[in-house]
Protein backbone atom coordinates (compact mmCIF):
# COMPACT_ATOMS: atom_id res chain seq x y z
CA MET A 1 -70.61 -135.01 -118.54
CA THR A 2 -70.94 -137.10 -121.66
CA LEU A 3 -68.64 -137.53 -124.95
CA GLN A 4 -70.95 -135.05 -126.49
CA ASP A 5 -70.30 -132.41 -123.84
CA ILE A 6 -66.62 -132.40 -124.41
CA PRO A 7 -66.44 -130.18 -127.47
CA LEU A 8 -68.10 -127.47 -125.18
CA LEU A 9 -64.74 -127.04 -123.42
CA SER A 10 -62.63 -127.17 -126.55
CA HIS A 11 -62.17 -123.39 -126.68
CA PRO A 12 -58.50 -122.00 -126.82
CA THR A 13 -59.75 -118.53 -125.67
CA LEU A 14 -61.08 -119.94 -122.41
CA THR A 15 -59.57 -118.42 -119.38
CA THR A 16 -61.67 -119.60 -116.42
CA LEU A 17 -63.40 -122.88 -116.13
CA LYS A 18 -65.32 -124.25 -113.10
CA LEU A 19 -66.62 -127.81 -112.91
CA GLN A 20 -68.56 -128.70 -109.76
CA LYS A 21 -70.24 -132.12 -108.83
CA VAL A 22 -70.04 -133.37 -112.54
CA ARG A 23 -68.85 -136.62 -113.93
CA VAL A 24 -65.52 -136.48 -115.81
CA GLY A 25 -64.53 -139.99 -116.22
CA GLU A 26 -65.17 -139.90 -119.95
CA PHE A 27 -62.15 -137.62 -120.44
CA ALA A 28 -60.19 -140.76 -119.52
CA ARG A 29 -61.01 -142.39 -122.82
CA PRO A 30 -58.12 -142.65 -125.21
CA SER A 31 -60.24 -141.08 -128.15
CA VAL A 32 -60.61 -137.86 -126.06
CA ARG A 33 -57.61 -135.54 -126.97
CA PRO A 34 -56.17 -133.03 -124.43
CA LEU A 35 -58.21 -129.80 -124.39
CA PRO A 36 -56.76 -126.80 -126.13
CA LEU A 37 -56.65 -124.70 -122.84
CA GLU A 38 -53.61 -122.76 -123.70
CA ASN A 39 -55.01 -119.59 -122.12
CA LEU A 40 -56.62 -120.92 -119.23
CA ASP A 41 -55.73 -118.94 -116.00
CA SER A 42 -58.11 -120.44 -113.29
CA PHE A 43 -59.52 -123.90 -112.96
CA TYR A 44 -61.82 -125.25 -110.31
CA LEU A 45 -62.73 -129.00 -110.22
CA HIS A 46 -64.91 -130.68 -107.82
CA ALA A 47 -65.50 -134.29 -108.89
CA HIS A 48 -65.19 -137.98 -107.56
CA ASP A 49 -64.43 -139.85 -110.76
CA TYR A 50 -61.13 -138.14 -111.53
CA SER A 51 -57.88 -139.87 -112.33
CA TYR A 52 -54.43 -139.01 -113.71
CA GLU A 53 -55.56 -139.67 -117.19
CA VAL A 54 -58.70 -137.33 -116.73
CA LEU A 55 -56.72 -134.57 -115.31
CA ASN A 56 -54.08 -134.89 -117.93
CA LYS A 57 -56.67 -134.03 -120.65
CA PHE A 58 -57.43 -130.87 -118.77
CA LEU A 59 -53.91 -129.79 -117.89
CA LYS A 60 -51.62 -131.06 -120.60
CA ASN A 61 -52.08 -127.68 -122.61
CA ALA A 62 -52.61 -125.43 -119.70
CA LYS A 63 -49.41 -123.69 -119.94
CA SER A 64 -50.65 -120.21 -118.70
CA LEU A 65 -52.53 -121.62 -115.58
CA ARG A 66 -52.29 -119.50 -112.48
CA HIS A 67 -54.75 -120.86 -110.12
CA LEU A 68 -55.92 -124.56 -109.67
CA GLU A 69 -58.39 -125.38 -107.02
CA PHE A 70 -59.08 -129.18 -106.76
CA HIS A 71 -61.78 -130.84 -104.48
CA HIS A 72 -62.27 -134.48 -103.59
CA PRO A 73 -66.00 -134.75 -102.52
CA PHE A 74 -66.97 -135.13 -98.83
CA ASP A 75 -69.05 -138.21 -99.52
CA VAL A 76 -66.47 -140.17 -101.35
CA PRO A 77 -63.85 -142.11 -99.24
CA ALA A 78 -60.20 -141.41 -100.35
CA HIS A 79 -59.36 -145.05 -101.00
CA ARG A 80 -56.79 -144.37 -103.82
CA ASP A 81 -53.39 -142.28 -103.79
CA PRO A 82 -53.88 -138.98 -105.26
CA PRO A 83 -52.52 -138.29 -108.81
CA ASP A 84 -49.38 -136.64 -108.99
CA PHE A 85 -50.03 -133.02 -109.38
CA SER A 86 -46.35 -132.06 -109.68
CA ASP A 87 -46.19 -134.16 -112.66
CA LEU A 88 -49.45 -133.24 -114.09
CA LEU A 89 -48.83 -129.34 -113.75
CA GLN A 90 -45.47 -129.36 -115.38
CA PRO A 91 -46.85 -127.45 -118.36
CA CYS A 92 -47.40 -124.42 -116.06
CA LYS A 93 -44.73 -124.81 -113.47
CA SER A 94 -43.46 -121.23 -114.62
CA SER A 95 -46.92 -119.71 -114.25
CA LEU A 96 -48.75 -121.43 -111.41
CA LYS A 97 -49.06 -119.16 -108.43
CA ILE A 98 -51.98 -120.80 -106.32
CA LEU A 99 -52.50 -124.44 -105.88
CA GLU A 100 -55.19 -125.88 -103.69
CA LEU A 101 -55.61 -129.54 -103.31
CA TRP A 102 -58.51 -130.19 -100.94
CA TRP A 103 -59.59 -133.84 -99.85
CA ASP A 104 -63.01 -132.90 -98.23
CA CYS A 105 -63.99 -136.36 -97.35
CA HIS A 106 -64.52 -137.33 -93.64
CA ASP A 107 -62.25 -140.37 -93.56
CA PRO A 108 -58.57 -140.19 -92.47
CA LEU A 109 -56.14 -139.77 -95.33
CA CYS A 110 -53.77 -142.56 -95.35
CA PHE A 111 -51.96 -141.97 -98.71
CA ASN A 112 -48.94 -144.05 -99.67
CA ASN A 113 -47.86 -142.09 -102.67
CA PRO A 114 -44.12 -141.07 -102.88
CA GLY A 115 -45.03 -137.28 -102.40
CA MET A 116 -45.17 -134.54 -104.95
CA LYS A 117 -41.88 -132.33 -105.99
CA PHE A 118 -42.68 -128.78 -106.40
CA ALA A 119 -39.02 -127.55 -106.30
CA GLU A 120 -39.13 -126.33 -109.97
CA PHE A 121 -42.46 -124.51 -109.51
CA THR A 122 -40.91 -121.08 -109.21
CA ALA A 123 -43.91 -119.01 -109.43
CA LEU A 124 -46.02 -121.03 -106.76
CA GLN A 125 -46.66 -118.76 -103.89
CA TYR A 126 -49.63 -120.51 -102.18
CA LEU A 127 -49.78 -124.29 -101.66
CA ALA A 128 -52.70 -125.89 -99.73
CA ILE A 129 -52.28 -129.81 -99.54
CA PRO A 130 -52.50 -132.62 -97.06
CA PRO A 131 -49.07 -133.33 -95.82
CA ARG A 132 -49.23 -136.98 -96.80
CA ALA A 133 -50.05 -136.18 -100.38
CA LEU A 134 -47.01 -133.72 -100.41
CA PHE A 135 -44.42 -135.73 -98.40
CA GLY A 136 -45.70 -139.27 -98.64
CA PRO A 137 -46.13 -141.49 -95.69
CA TYR A 138 -43.51 -139.99 -93.50
CA TRP A 139 -45.49 -139.78 -90.13
CA TYR A 140 -43.92 -142.79 -88.59
CA GLU A 141 -40.79 -143.24 -90.74
CA GLU A 142 -37.42 -143.20 -88.98
CA ASN A 143 -34.18 -141.58 -90.13
CA LEU A 144 -35.82 -139.21 -92.71
CA ASP A 145 -33.73 -136.61 -94.45
CA PHE A 146 -36.23 -133.85 -93.69
CA LEU A 147 -33.97 -130.97 -95.25
CA GLN A 148 -33.78 -133.00 -98.53
CA MET A 149 -37.74 -133.69 -98.31
CA LEU A 150 -38.04 -129.88 -98.20
CA LYS A 151 -35.85 -129.14 -100.91
CA ASP A 152 -37.58 -131.62 -103.21
CA ASN A 153 -41.14 -130.82 -102.44
CA ILE A 154 -41.54 -127.17 -101.35
CA PRO A 155 -41.42 -124.52 -103.97
CA PRO A 156 -38.62 -122.10 -103.44
CA ASN A 157 -40.60 -118.98 -103.75
CA LEU A 158 -43.63 -120.24 -101.45
CA LYS A 159 -45.26 -117.63 -99.18
CA VAL A 160 -48.17 -119.71 -97.63
CA LEU A 161 -47.83 -123.42 -96.82
CA PHE A 162 -51.39 -124.67 -95.76
CA LEU A 163 -51.31 -128.22 -94.62
CA GLN A 164 -54.72 -130.19 -94.54
CA GLU A 165 -55.40 -132.33 -91.47
CA MET A 166 -52.24 -132.77 -89.34
CA TYR A 167 -53.18 -135.86 -87.45
CA PRO A 168 -52.25 -139.45 -87.65
CA CYS A 169 -53.99 -141.98 -89.33
CA TRP A 170 -52.92 -144.70 -86.82
CA SER A 171 -50.47 -145.12 -83.83
CA GLU A 172 -49.16 -148.12 -81.99
CA GLU A 173 -48.39 -145.70 -79.04
CA GLU A 174 -50.69 -143.28 -77.38
CA MET A 175 -49.90 -139.63 -78.52
CA PRO A 176 -51.20 -136.76 -76.28
CA GLU A 177 -53.74 -134.55 -77.80
CA GLY A 178 -52.93 -131.07 -78.94
CA ILE A 179 -49.33 -131.65 -79.97
CA LEU A 180 -47.70 -132.35 -83.41
CA LEU A 181 -46.39 -135.79 -84.20
CA PRO A 182 -42.73 -136.05 -83.74
CA ASN A 183 -42.13 -136.00 -87.43
CA ASP A 184 -44.27 -133.18 -87.99
CA TYR A 185 -42.41 -131.16 -85.35
CA LYS A 186 -39.06 -132.20 -86.91
CA LEU A 187 -40.25 -131.18 -90.48
CA ILE A 188 -41.38 -127.71 -89.30
CA LYS A 189 -38.19 -127.12 -87.30
CA THR A 190 -35.96 -128.22 -90.06
CA LEU A 191 -38.10 -125.71 -92.45
CA LEU A 192 -37.55 -122.84 -89.95
CA THR A 193 -33.96 -123.65 -89.35
CA ASN A 194 -33.20 -123.36 -93.13
CA LYS A 195 -35.53 -120.42 -93.68
CA GLU A 196 -32.88 -119.10 -96.26
CA LEU A 197 -33.86 -121.71 -98.72
CA PHE A 198 -37.42 -120.45 -98.74
CA PRO A 199 -36.85 -116.58 -98.34
CA SER A 200 -40.51 -115.56 -99.14
CA LEU A 201 -42.24 -117.95 -96.81
CA ARG A 202 -44.46 -116.05 -94.41
CA TYR A 203 -47.14 -118.54 -93.20
CA ILE A 204 -47.23 -122.21 -92.27
CA ALA A 205 -50.76 -123.16 -91.41
CA TRP A 206 -52.66 -126.33 -90.99
CA THR A 207 -56.17 -127.69 -90.12
CA SER A 208 -56.66 -130.51 -87.38
CA GLU A 209 -59.50 -132.23 -85.92
CA ILE A 210 -57.61 -132.88 -82.73
CA GLY A 211 -56.43 -129.40 -82.34
CA THR A 212 -52.65 -129.79 -82.91
CA VAL A 213 -51.60 -126.28 -81.82
CA PRO A 214 -48.19 -124.77 -82.95
CA PRO A 215 -45.53 -125.53 -80.11
CA GLU A 216 -44.34 -122.43 -78.33
CA ASP A 217 -40.76 -122.94 -79.27
CA LEU A 218 -41.52 -123.26 -82.89
CA GLU A 219 -43.84 -120.20 -82.81
CA ASP A 220 -40.95 -118.18 -81.20
CA MET A 221 -38.55 -119.30 -83.85
CA ALA A 222 -41.13 -118.27 -86.48
CA ALA A 223 -41.74 -114.96 -85.03
CA GLU A 224 -37.94 -114.20 -85.04
CA LEU A 225 -37.95 -115.05 -88.77
CA GLY A 226 -40.97 -112.78 -89.57
CA MET A 227 -43.19 -115.77 -89.92
CA ALA A 228 -46.37 -117.16 -88.43
CA LEU A 229 -47.48 -120.70 -87.48
CA GLU A 230 -51.26 -120.99 -87.40
CA LEU A 231 -53.76 -123.64 -86.50
CA VAL A 232 -56.99 -122.76 -88.51
CA SER A 233 -60.29 -124.30 -88.66
CA ASN A 234 -60.67 -124.20 -92.43
CA ARG A 235 -59.71 -122.49 -95.70
CA SER A 236 -61.77 -119.37 -95.05
CA GLU A 237 -59.38 -118.17 -92.37
CA LEU A 238 -56.38 -117.98 -94.89
CA PRO A 239 -57.87 -117.62 -98.27
CA PRO A 240 -55.56 -117.27 -101.39
CA ASP A 241 -56.18 -113.67 -102.06
CA THR A 242 -54.06 -112.53 -104.88
CA LYS A 243 -53.38 -108.92 -103.65
CA TRP A 244 -52.86 -110.24 -100.38
CA LEU A 245 -50.19 -112.47 -101.67
CA GLU A 246 -48.34 -109.99 -103.52
CA SER A 247 -48.12 -107.65 -100.52
CA LEU A 248 -46.35 -110.34 -98.35
């Protein structure tokens, strides 16, 4: 997109916006004002030249947004930490129901961002996100306060937590294939043990190239709580259907 194209999106009545495989870097210019998208309900973005500044031009006025689906392209390595979507989406924290943040790139995701805090997003029911984008670089940290991490980062009324790529970026020790990393195990067990903090939660799902199946003891805990732990192959196995979410 060029500067000349930007006025095409400046419509306050716009409710649905889909931008796929386009260049959006021009939106970062200081001369470009935030778009008047007060009535935007659904936003799909697939772009490689995004940044916090670019995304803010789309989201700053999107106070009615209910569904955001973001895709980092397959052929672009994820060398940068992700923008803080929990900050960018503050204008719609009371309306956002479905948030999908997909990094489709083939390379491992080694983010070092401090995580994203969604505790104030009271309407959020479906959250799809890489675990290191959500919680920061926790995989090999010691003495973590997992309960506080969950309180800060998980929306209180969440129904589906979909974690993208549960596998380590590196390890100094050999890890058996097919099991969760120790900190992932502790994180999920803490979430199940404190289920009363997230009373609406029904699904914890994840993708994994090395086949990290749910441990049997955690599966049993989840079943007793009326929940399911699932290893899925991709988004199509657990799509964010609005009617289905309302029925949970």
